[in-house]
Structures are given as structure tokens and as C-alpha cells.
Amino acid sequence: MLNFSELETRLASLQLSQVNLSRVARKALHLVEEDAHRQRIALAFEDVDGAVVRGNATALEELVLNLLKNAIRFTSAGGKIRVKIVRGEDGGIKMSVADTGVGIRAVDLPHIFEPFYAGSNVLKKRKESAGLGLAIVRAIARLHRARVSVDSVVGQGTSVGVRFPRYYGR
């Protein structure tokens, strides 16, 4: 069984450098494109020029992949997933992954980043997941000094935002 604290320790030792978040997100989208197409889920991508953050490209790709896999898992055929990268007023970068899936109940929101937690409205999908995806997302975000936020409405979908601090280069 995966030792989650070991994973966090390995993440903390990663080397950070200048990373184009748009390139990372495009690569992750390409990796899930076939699954989304097979499930008849539309993918959309919107970004800004110069979406550069201080980070580790491999870890950031894992973060985006986890968000996309969750979105695909909980979105029905005919649904949509949109990845959007924008520049914040403070000069930081915000990436969001929004879906038209089942949504998350308000009572579950405070717990979704806990390892192995599954919300009551998604338990039937639990067999397809180890329950670590969002815990990994949070750990990777912390490594990058980023904040994760979630907005969700049951039956309408979920949007997970990751806000990265302004990067000054070097």
C-alpha cells in the first residue's frame, strides 16, 4: 500500500524551476483525450500567454492529470470538461478544471482532500479509484505554494481551482 507521507516527502525534495503551465496542461489533456472521447466527453482548453510558474513539470503534470481523471470519472456521456489558465490581478496564475459531472455535496467538501475519502454521492464510482487523487493534488499544490479551491453543485458539476503565486523568474 502506498505510504502517503512518503509521497509527500518525495514531493518536497523535487527540484523547482521555471515551468510553462500551459504546456503542462496541454500535455495532460493529450494524455486523457482518448478516454474522454471514448466516454463522449468534450474537452476544452483556454489559456494566456506566459503562464509561467515556479515548479516541477512532472509534479504539475500529475496534478493536472489527477484533476482531469476525476473530472472524466464523474462526468456522464455528453458532458464537458474545461481547463482554463488565467493571470490573476496579483500577477499569479490560476488554473481551473471544471466539469459538468455529478458534483460534490456540501457536507463532503471539507473532506475531499483527505486520503481515501469518497463522498456519499460518488461511492458507486469508488471501485475505480484508490481515493488519493485530490490528496495528491493538494500535496503538489502545497509544494508549489499554490492554493486549491473547489466550487461544486450536485447535479451540475465541479470546478477545482489552483492559484499559483506570482513568479518573478530565476
N, C-alpha and C. Protein backbone atom coordinates (compact mmCIF):
# COMPACT_ATOMS: atom_id res chain seq x y z
N MET A 1 0.84 -1.18 0.00
CA MET A 1 0.00 0.00 0.00
C MET A 1 0.88 1.25 0.00
N LEU A 2 0.44 2.23 -0.74
CA LEU A 2 1.17 3.48 -0.84
C LEU A 2 1.20 4.19 0.50
N ASN A 3 2.38 4.58 0.92
CA ASN A 3 2.53 5.35 2.14
C ASN A 3 2.46 6.82 1.75
N PHE A 4 1.35 7.48 2.07
CA PHE A 4 1.12 8.84 1.62
C PHE A 4 2.16 9.82 2.17
N SER A 5 2.59 9.65 3.40
CA SER A 5 3.58 10.56 3.96
C SER A 5 4.92 10.42 3.23
N GLU A 6 5.22 9.22 2.75
CA GLU A 6 6.42 9.00 1.95
C GLU A 6 6.33 9.78 0.65
N LEU A 7 5.17 9.77 0.04
CA LEU A 7 4.94 10.51 -1.19
C LEU A 7 5.16 12.00 -0.95
N GLU A 8 4.61 12.54 0.14
CA GLU A 8 4.79 13.95 0.45
C GLU A 8 6.26 14.29 0.65
N THR A 9 7.01 13.39 1.28
CA THR A 9 8.44 13.61 1.49
C THR A 9 9.17 13.64 0.15
N ARG A 10 8.83 12.73 -0.76
CA ARG A 10 9.46 12.72 -2.09
C ARG A 10 9.12 13.99 -2.85
N LEU A 11 7.87 14.44 -2.75
CA LEU A 11 7.48 15.67 -3.44
C LEU A 11 8.30 16.85 -2.95
N ALA A 12 8.52 16.92 -1.65
CA ALA A 12 9.24 18.04 -1.06
C ALA A 12 10.68 18.13 -1.54
N SER A 13 11.24 17.03 -2.02
CA SER A 13 12.63 17.02 -2.46
C SER A 13 12.79 17.30 -3.96
N LEU A 14 11.69 17.54 -4.66
CA LEU A 14 11.76 17.81 -6.09
C LEU A 14 12.42 19.16 -6.37
N GLN A 15 13.14 19.22 -7.48
CA GLN A 15 13.76 20.46 -7.92
C GLN A 15 12.73 21.33 -8.63
N LEU A 16 12.71 22.61 -8.31
CA LEU A 16 11.77 23.55 -8.91
C LEU A 16 12.51 24.48 -9.86
N SER A 17 11.83 24.83 -10.96
CA SER A 17 12.40 25.75 -11.94
C SER A 17 11.24 26.44 -12.66
N GLN A 18 11.55 27.20 -13.68
CA GLN A 18 10.52 27.88 -14.46
C GLN A 18 9.78 26.85 -15.30
N VAL A 19 8.43 26.84 -15.20
CA VAL A 19 7.60 25.87 -15.93
C VAL A 19 6.46 26.61 -16.61
N ASN A 20 6.26 26.31 -17.89
CA ASN A 20 5.12 26.86 -18.61
C ASN A 20 3.92 25.97 -18.30
N LEU A 21 3.01 26.47 -17.49
CA LEU A 21 1.85 25.69 -17.05
C LEU A 21 0.94 25.32 -18.21
N SER A 22 0.86 26.17 -19.22
CA SER A 22 0.03 25.86 -20.40
C SER A 22 0.54 24.62 -21.11
N ARG A 23 1.84 24.51 -21.27
CA ARG A 23 2.42 23.32 -21.92
C ARG A 23 2.13 22.06 -21.11
N VAL A 24 2.27 22.17 -19.81
CA VAL A 24 2.00 21.03 -18.93
C VAL A 24 0.54 20.61 -19.06
N ALA A 25 -0.38 21.57 -19.04
CA ALA A 25 -1.81 21.27 -19.13
C ALA A 25 -2.15 20.66 -20.49
N ARG A 26 -1.57 21.19 -21.57
CA ARG A 26 -1.82 20.62 -22.91
C ARG A 26 -1.36 19.16 -22.98
N LYS A 27 -0.21 18.88 -22.40
CA LYS A 27 0.30 17.51 -22.40
C LYS A 27 -0.64 16.59 -21.63
N ALA A 28 -1.09 17.03 -20.47
CA ALA A 28 -2.02 16.23 -19.67
C ALA A 28 -3.34 16.01 -20.43
N LEU A 29 -3.85 17.05 -21.07
CA LEU A 29 -5.08 16.92 -21.87
C LEU A 29 -4.89 15.88 -22.97
N HIS A 30 -3.75 15.93 -23.61
CA HIS A 30 -3.47 14.96 -24.67
C HIS A 30 -3.48 13.53 -24.12
N LEU A 31 -2.97 13.35 -22.91
CA LEU A 31 -2.91 12.01 -22.32
C LEU A 31 -4.29 11.44 -21.98
N VAL A 32 -5.28 12.30 -21.70
CA VAL A 32 -6.63 11.82 -21.35
C VAL A 32 -7.62 11.94 -22.50
N GLU A 33 -7.17 12.50 -23.61
CA GLU A 33 -8.05 12.76 -24.75
C GLU A 33 -8.81 11.52 -25.22
N GLU A 34 -8.12 10.41 -25.31
CA GLU A 34 -8.75 9.17 -25.78
C GLU A 34 -9.85 8.70 -24.82
N ASP A 35 -9.56 8.74 -23.52
CA ASP A 35 -10.57 8.34 -22.53
C ASP A 35 -11.80 9.23 -22.61
N ALA A 36 -11.57 10.53 -22.71
CA ALA A 36 -12.69 11.47 -22.80
C ALA A 36 -13.51 11.21 -24.07
N HIS A 37 -12.82 11.02 -25.18
CA HIS A 37 -13.51 10.76 -26.46
C HIS A 37 -14.33 9.47 -26.38
N ARG A 38 -13.73 8.43 -25.80
CA ARG A 38 -14.41 7.14 -25.66
C ARG A 38 -15.69 7.28 -24.83
N GLN A 39 -15.67 8.16 -23.85
CA GLN A 39 -16.83 8.37 -22.98
C GLN A 39 -17.72 9.52 -23.48
N ARG A 40 -17.41 10.03 -24.67
CA ARG A 40 -18.19 11.10 -25.30
C ARG A 40 -18.27 12.35 -24.42
N ILE A 41 -17.10 12.72 -23.87
CA ILE A 41 -16.97 13.93 -23.06
C ILE A 41 -16.12 14.92 -23.84
N ALA A 42 -16.62 16.12 -24.00
CA ALA A 42 -15.91 17.17 -24.73
C ALA A 42 -14.87 17.82 -23.84
N LEU A 43 -13.69 18.07 -24.39
CA LEU A 43 -12.61 18.75 -23.68
C LEU A 43 -12.39 20.12 -24.30
N ALA A 44 -12.19 21.12 -23.48
CA ALA A 44 -11.89 22.47 -23.96
C ALA A 44 -10.70 23.01 -23.17
N PHE A 45 -9.94 23.89 -23.83
CA PHE A 45 -8.75 24.46 -23.20
C PHE A 45 -8.66 25.93 -23.55
N GLU A 46 -8.40 26.74 -22.54
CA GLU A 46 -8.24 28.18 -22.72
C GLU A 46 -7.07 28.62 -21.85
N ASP A 47 -6.17 29.41 -22.42
CA ASP A 47 -5.03 29.85 -21.62
C ASP A 47 -4.58 31.24 -22.02
N VAL A 48 -3.61 31.75 -21.29
CA VAL A 48 -3.00 33.05 -21.57
C VAL A 48 -1.53 32.82 -21.93
N ASP A 49 -0.96 33.75 -22.68
CA ASP A 49 0.46 33.68 -22.97
C ASP A 49 1.25 33.91 -21.69
N GLY A 50 2.37 33.24 -21.59
CA GLY A 50 3.26 33.47 -20.46
C GLY A 50 2.77 32.94 -19.14
N ALA A 51 2.07 31.82 -19.16
CA ALA A 51 1.58 31.22 -17.92
C ALA A 51 2.72 30.44 -17.26
N VAL A 52 3.67 31.18 -16.74
CA VAL A 52 4.87 30.58 -16.16
C VAL A 52 4.77 30.59 -14.64
N VAL A 53 5.10 29.45 -14.05
CA VAL A 53 5.11 29.30 -12.60
C VAL A 53 6.45 28.71 -12.18
N ARG A 54 6.77 28.85 -10.91
CA ARG A 54 7.94 28.16 -10.36
C ARG A 54 7.44 26.79 -9.93
N GLY A 55 8.04 25.75 -10.51
CA GLY A 55 7.54 24.43 -10.16
C GLY A 55 8.35 23.30 -10.74
N ASN A 56 7.77 22.14 -10.65
CA ASN A 56 8.35 20.92 -11.19
C ASN A 56 7.35 20.39 -12.23
N ALA A 57 7.78 20.33 -13.49
CA ALA A 57 6.87 19.97 -14.58
C ALA A 57 6.25 18.59 -14.38
N THR A 58 7.00 17.63 -13.90
CA THR A 58 6.47 16.28 -13.69
C THR A 58 5.38 16.28 -12.63
N ALA A 59 5.64 16.95 -11.52
CA ALA A 59 4.65 17.01 -10.45
C ALA A 59 3.40 17.77 -10.90
N LEU A 60 3.60 18.87 -11.63
CA LEU A 60 2.45 19.64 -12.11
C LEU A 60 1.62 18.84 -13.11
N GLU A 61 2.28 18.05 -13.93
CA GLU A 61 1.54 17.19 -14.85
C GLU A 61 0.69 16.19 -14.07
N GLU A 62 1.23 15.65 -13.00
CA GLU A 62 0.48 14.73 -12.15
C GLU A 62 -0.73 15.43 -11.52
N LEU A 63 -0.55 16.66 -11.09
CA LEU A 63 -1.64 17.44 -10.53
C LEU A 63 -2.77 17.59 -11.56
N VAL A 64 -2.42 18.04 -12.77
CA VAL A 64 -3.43 18.25 -13.81
C VAL A 64 -4.08 16.91 -14.20
N LEU A 65 -3.28 15.87 -14.34
CA LEU A 65 -3.84 14.55 -14.69
C LEU A 65 -4.84 14.06 -13.65
N ASN A 66 -4.52 14.24 -12.37
CA ASN A 66 -5.45 13.81 -11.32
C ASN A 66 -6.77 14.57 -11.42
N LEU A 67 -6.69 15.87 -11.67
CA LEU A 67 -7.92 16.66 -11.80
C LEU A 67 -8.72 16.22 -13.02
N LEU A 68 -8.04 15.99 -14.14
CA LEU A 68 -8.73 15.57 -15.35
C LEU A 68 -9.34 14.17 -15.21
N LYS A 69 -8.61 13.26 -14.61
CA LYS A 69 -9.14 11.89 -14.42
C LYS A 69 -10.37 11.91 -13.53
N ASN A 70 -10.35 12.72 -12.46
CA ASN A 70 -11.53 12.84 -11.61
C ASN A 70 -12.70 13.41 -12.41
N ALA A 71 -12.43 14.44 -13.18
CA ALA A 71 -13.50 15.07 -13.97
C ALA A 71 -14.10 14.06 -14.95
N ILE A 72 -13.27 13.28 -15.60
CA ILE A 72 -13.77 12.26 -16.54
C ILE A 72 -14.55 11.20 -15.79
N ARG A 73 -14.04 10.74 -14.66
CA ARG A 73 -14.69 9.68 -13.89
C ARG A 73 -16.10 10.07 -13.46
N PHE A 74 -16.30 11.35 -13.14
CA PHE A 74 -17.58 11.77 -12.57
C PHE A 74 -18.44 12.60 -13.52
N THR A 75 -18.11 12.57 -14.81
CA THR A 75 -18.90 13.26 -15.82
C THR A 75 -19.51 12.24 -16.77
N SER A 76 -20.79 12.38 -17.03
CA SER A 76 -21.51 11.45 -17.90
C SER A 76 -21.27 11.78 -19.37
N ALA A 77 -21.59 10.80 -20.21
CA ALA A 77 -21.52 10.99 -21.66
C ALA A 77 -22.28 12.25 -22.05
N GLY A 78 -21.70 13.00 -22.98
CA GLY A 78 -22.31 14.25 -23.41
C GLY A 78 -21.89 15.44 -22.57
N GLY A 79 -21.13 15.18 -21.50
CA GLY A 79 -20.68 16.25 -20.61
C GLY A 79 -19.47 16.98 -21.16
N LYS A 80 -19.02 17.97 -20.41
CA LYS A 80 -17.90 18.81 -20.84
C LYS A 80 -16.92 19.01 -19.70
N ILE A 81 -15.66 19.12 -20.08
CA ILE A 81 -14.59 19.45 -19.14
C ILE A 81 -13.80 20.59 -19.76
N ARG A 82 -13.55 21.62 -18.95
CA ARG A 82 -12.82 22.78 -19.46
C ARG A 82 -11.64 23.08 -18.54
N VAL A 83 -10.47 23.20 -19.14
CA VAL A 83 -9.28 23.63 -18.42
C VAL A 83 -9.03 25.08 -18.82
N LYS A 84 -8.89 25.93 -17.83
CA LYS A 84 -8.70 27.35 -18.10
C LYS A 84 -7.53 27.86 -17.27
N ILE A 85 -6.63 28.60 -17.92
CA ILE A 85 -5.48 29.18 -17.23
C ILE A 85 -5.53 30.69 -17.47
N VAL A 86 -5.58 31.44 -16.37
CA VAL A 86 -5.66 32.90 -16.46
C VAL A 86 -4.63 33.54 -15.53
N ARG A 87 -4.36 34.81 -15.79
CA ARG A 87 -3.47 35.56 -14.91
C ARG A 87 -4.33 36.33 -13.92
N GLY A 88 -3.98 36.23 -12.65
CA GLY A 88 -4.71 36.94 -11.61
C GLY A 88 -4.28 38.39 -11.52
N GLU A 89 -5.07 39.19 -10.83
CA GLU A 89 -4.75 40.61 -10.65
C GLU A 89 -3.42 40.79 -9.92
N ASP A 90 -3.05 39.82 -9.09
CA ASP A 90 -1.80 39.90 -8.34
C ASP A 90 -0.60 39.41 -9.15
N GLY A 91 -0.82 39.04 -10.42
CA GLY A 91 0.26 38.55 -11.27
C GLY A 91 0.46 37.06 -11.18
N GLY A 92 -0.23 36.39 -10.27
CA GLY A 92 -0.15 34.94 -10.17
C GLY A 92 -0.95 34.28 -11.28
N ILE A 93 -0.88 32.98 -11.33
CA ILE A 93 -1.57 32.20 -12.36
C ILE A 93 -2.62 31.33 -11.68
N LYS A 94 -3.83 31.33 -12.26
CA LYS A 94 -4.87 30.44 -11.75
C LYS A 94 -5.27 29.47 -12.85
N MET A 95 -5.25 28.20 -12.50
CA MET A 95 -5.72 27.15 -13.41
C MET A 95 -6.97 26.55 -12.81
N SER A 96 -7.98 26.33 -13.63
CA SER A 96 -9.17 25.65 -13.15
C SER A 96 -9.51 24.50 -14.08
N VAL A 97 -10.04 23.45 -13.49
CA VAL A 97 -10.57 22.30 -14.24
C VAL A 97 -12.03 22.20 -13.81
N ALA A 98 -12.92 22.47 -14.76
CA ALA A 98 -14.36 22.48 -14.47
C ALA A 98 -15.05 21.40 -15.29
N ASP A 99 -16.01 20.72 -14.66
CA ASP A 99 -16.75 19.68 -15.36
C ASP A 99 -18.25 19.87 -15.17
N THR A 100 -19.01 19.11 -15.94
CA THR A 100 -20.47 19.11 -15.82
C THR A 100 -20.92 17.79 -15.20
N GLY A 101 -20.14 17.30 -14.26
CA GLY A 101 -20.38 15.99 -13.65
C GLY A 101 -21.38 15.99 -12.51
N VAL A 102 -21.27 14.97 -11.66
CA VAL A 102 -22.25 14.73 -10.60
C VAL A 102 -22.20 15.77 -9.49
N GLY A 103 -21.08 16.45 -9.35
CA GLY A 103 -20.94 17.43 -8.28
C GLY A 103 -20.62 16.78 -6.95
N ILE A 104 -20.33 17.62 -5.98
CA ILE A 104 -19.94 17.16 -4.64
C ILE A 104 -20.88 17.80 -3.63
N ARG A 105 -21.42 16.99 -2.74
CA ARG A 105 -22.33 17.52 -1.71
C ARG A 105 -21.56 18.43 -0.76
N ALA A 106 -22.23 19.47 -0.30
CA ALA A 106 -21.61 20.45 0.60
C ALA A 106 -21.03 19.79 1.84
N VAL A 107 -21.69 18.78 2.36
CA VAL A 107 -21.22 18.08 3.56
C VAL A 107 -19.90 17.36 3.31
N ASP A 108 -19.63 17.00 2.06
CA ASP A 108 -18.40 16.28 1.72
C ASP A 108 -17.23 17.21 1.40
N LEU A 109 -17.50 18.44 1.00
CA LEU A 109 -16.44 19.35 0.55
C LEU A 109 -15.28 19.50 1.54
N PRO A 110 -15.52 19.63 2.84
CA PRO A 110 -14.38 19.80 3.76
C PRO A 110 -13.44 18.59 3.82
N HIS A 111 -13.88 17.44 3.30
CA HIS A 111 -13.11 16.20 3.45
C HIS A 111 -12.49 15.68 2.16
N ILE A 112 -12.77 16.29 1.02
CA ILE A 112 -12.39 15.69 -0.26
C ILE A 112 -10.89 15.59 -0.49
N PHE A 113 -10.09 16.35 0.26
CA PHE A 113 -8.64 16.28 0.09
C PHE A 113 -7.98 15.29 1.06
N GLU A 114 -8.80 14.62 1.87
CA GLU A 114 -8.27 13.60 2.78
C GLU A 114 -8.01 12.32 1.99
N PRO A 115 -6.86 11.67 2.24
CA PRO A 115 -6.58 10.41 1.55
C PRO A 115 -7.70 9.39 1.82
N PHE A 116 -8.11 8.72 0.76
CA PHE A 116 -9.08 7.61 0.78
C PHE A 116 -10.53 8.05 1.04
N TYR A 117 -10.79 9.35 1.09
CA TYR A 117 -12.16 9.82 1.33
C TYR A 117 -12.96 9.75 0.02
N ALA A 118 -14.19 9.29 0.13
CA ALA A 118 -15.12 9.30 -1.01
C ALA A 118 -16.44 9.88 -0.54
N GLY A 119 -16.93 10.85 -1.27
CA GLY A 119 -18.21 11.45 -0.94
C GLY A 119 -19.34 10.47 -1.11
N SER A 120 -20.40 10.69 -0.37
CA SER A 120 -21.53 9.76 -0.38
C SER A 120 -22.21 9.65 -1.73
N ASN A 121 -22.17 10.70 -2.55
CA ASN A 121 -22.82 10.60 -3.85
C ASN A 121 -21.92 10.01 -4.93
N VAL A 122 -20.69 9.64 -4.58
CA VAL A 122 -19.79 9.05 -5.57
C VAL A 122 -19.29 7.67 -5.16
N LEU A 123 -19.85 7.09 -4.12
CA LEU A 123 -19.37 5.80 -3.64
C LEU A 123 -19.44 4.71 -4.70
N LYS A 124 -20.43 4.76 -5.58
CA LYS A 124 -20.54 3.73 -6.62
C LYS A 124 -19.36 3.79 -7.59
N LYS A 125 -18.70 4.93 -7.71
CA LYS A 125 -17.53 5.08 -8.57
C LYS A 125 -16.24 4.73 -7.82
N ARG A 126 -16.32 4.53 -6.53
CA ARG A 126 -15.15 4.32 -5.67
C ARG A 126 -14.29 3.16 -6.13
N LYS A 127 -14.92 2.11 -6.65
CA LYS A 127 -14.14 0.93 -7.05
C LYS A 127 -13.13 1.25 -8.15
N GLU A 128 -13.34 2.38 -8.84
CA GLU A 128 -12.45 2.77 -9.92
C GLU A 128 -11.28 3.62 -9.44
N SER A 129 -11.21 3.90 -8.15
CA SER A 129 -10.24 4.85 -7.64
C SER A 129 -9.69 4.40 -6.29
N ALA A 130 -8.43 4.77 -6.05
CA ALA A 130 -7.82 4.49 -4.74
C ALA A 130 -8.16 5.56 -3.72
N GLY A 131 -8.72 6.69 -4.19
CA GLY A 131 -9.09 7.75 -3.27
C GLY A 131 -7.95 8.65 -2.87
N LEU A 132 -6.90 8.70 -3.69
CA LEU A 132 -5.75 9.53 -3.36
C LEU A 132 -5.59 10.74 -4.28
N GLY A 133 -6.34 10.81 -5.36
CA GLY A 133 -6.15 11.84 -6.37
C GLY A 133 -6.14 13.26 -5.84
N LEU A 134 -7.17 13.64 -5.10
CA LEU A 134 -7.24 15.01 -4.60
C LEU A 134 -6.26 15.26 -3.46
N ALA A 135 -5.93 14.24 -2.70
CA ALA A 135 -4.90 14.39 -1.66
C ALA A 135 -3.55 14.66 -2.32
N ILE A 136 -3.28 14.00 -3.43
CA ILE A 136 -2.04 14.23 -4.18
C ILE A 136 -2.06 15.64 -4.78
N VAL A 137 -3.20 16.05 -5.33
CA VAL A 137 -3.34 17.41 -5.87
C VAL A 137 -2.98 18.43 -4.80
N ARG A 138 -3.53 18.28 -3.61
CA ARG A 138 -3.26 19.23 -2.53
C ARG A 138 -1.77 19.22 -2.15
N ALA A 139 -1.18 18.04 -2.06
CA ALA A 139 0.24 17.94 -1.69
C ALA A 139 1.13 18.61 -2.75
N ILE A 140 0.83 18.40 -4.01
CA ILE A 140 1.61 19.02 -5.09
C ILE A 140 1.40 20.54 -5.07
N ALA A 141 0.17 20.97 -4.87
CA ALA A 141 -0.10 22.41 -4.81
C ALA A 141 0.70 23.06 -3.68
N ARG A 142 0.72 22.44 -2.51
CA ARG A 142 1.47 22.97 -1.38
C ARG A 142 2.95 23.11 -1.70
N LEU A 143 3.49 22.11 -2.39
CA LEU A 143 4.89 22.15 -2.80
C LEU A 143 5.16 23.40 -3.64
N HIS A 144 4.19 23.80 -4.43
CA HIS A 144 4.31 24.95 -5.32
C HIS A 144 3.78 26.25 -4.70
N ARG A 145 3.52 26.22 -3.39
CA ARG A 145 2.97 27.36 -2.67
C ARG A 145 1.67 27.85 -3.30
N ALA A 146 0.92 26.92 -3.85
CA ALA A 146 -0.35 27.23 -4.51
C ALA A 146 -1.51 26.87 -3.58
N ARG A 147 -2.65 27.50 -3.80
CA ARG A 147 -3.85 27.23 -3.02
C ARG A 147 -4.87 26.55 -3.92
N VAL A 148 -5.56 25.57 -3.36
CA VAL A 148 -6.58 24.83 -4.10
C VAL A 148 -7.95 25.22 -3.55
N SER A 149 -8.88 25.45 -4.46
CA SER A 149 -10.26 25.76 -4.06
C SER A 149 -11.21 24.90 -4.88
N VAL A 150 -12.39 24.68 -4.33
CA VAL A 150 -13.39 23.85 -5.02
C VAL A 150 -14.74 24.52 -4.93
N ASP A 151 -15.41 24.60 -6.06
CA ASP A 151 -16.81 25.04 -6.13
C ASP A 151 -17.57 23.90 -6.78
N SER A 152 -18.68 23.51 -6.19
CA SER A 152 -19.42 22.39 -6.73
C SER A 152 -20.90 22.51 -6.42
N VAL A 153 -21.71 22.05 -7.37
CA VAL A 153 -23.15 21.97 -7.20
C VAL A 153 -23.57 20.57 -7.63
N VAL A 154 -24.22 19.86 -6.72
CA VAL A 154 -24.66 18.49 -7.03
C VAL A 154 -25.55 18.52 -8.27
N GLY A 155 -25.24 17.64 -9.19
CA GLY A 155 -26.01 17.53 -10.42
C GLY A 155 -25.61 18.50 -11.52
N GLN A 156 -24.71 19.44 -11.19
CA GLN A 156 -24.29 20.43 -12.19
C GLN A 156 -22.80 20.40 -12.49
N GLY A 157 -22.01 19.98 -11.53
CA GLY A 157 -20.58 19.87 -11.79
C GLY A 157 -19.71 20.48 -10.72
N THR A 158 -18.42 20.39 -10.98
CA THR A 158 -17.40 20.82 -10.04
C THR A 158 -16.32 21.60 -10.77
N SER A 159 -15.79 22.61 -10.10
CA SER A 159 -14.64 23.36 -10.61
C SER A 159 -13.58 23.38 -9.52
N VAL A 160 -12.40 22.89 -9.87
CA VAL A 160 -11.27 22.91 -8.94
C VAL A 160 -10.29 23.95 -9.46
N GLY A 161 -9.97 24.91 -8.62
CA GLY A 161 -9.02 25.95 -8.99
C GLY A 161 -7.73 25.79 -8.23
N VAL A 162 -6.62 26.06 -8.92
CA VAL A 162 -5.30 26.04 -8.29
C VAL A 162 -4.67 27.39 -8.59
N ARG A 163 -4.43 28.17 -7.53
CA ARG A 163 -3.88 29.52 -7.70
C ARG A 163 -2.40 29.51 -7.29
N PHE A 164 -1.54 29.81 -8.29
CA PHE A 164 -0.09 29.83 -8.08
C PHE A 164 0.35 31.27 -7.80
N PRO A 165 1.33 31.43 -6.92
CA PRO A 165 1.80 32.79 -6.65
C PRO A 165 2.56 33.36 -7.85
N ARG A 166 2.67 34.66 -7.88
CA ARG A 166 3.41 35.33 -8.95
C ARG A 166 4.84 34.82 -8.98
N TYR A 167 5.33 34.60 -10.19
CA TYR A 167 6.70 34.10 -10.37
C TYR A 167 7.54 35.22 -10.97
N TYR A 168 8.64 35.54 -10.33
CA TYR A 168 9.49 36.64 -10.77
C TYR A 168 10.68 36.18 -11.58
N GLY A 169 10.78 34.91 -11.84
CA GLY A 169 11.91 34.41 -12.65
C GLY A 169 13.06 33.93 -11.80
N ARG A 170 13.90 33.15 -12.45
CA ARG A 170 15.14 32.59 -11.89
C ARG A 170 14.85 31.55 -10.93
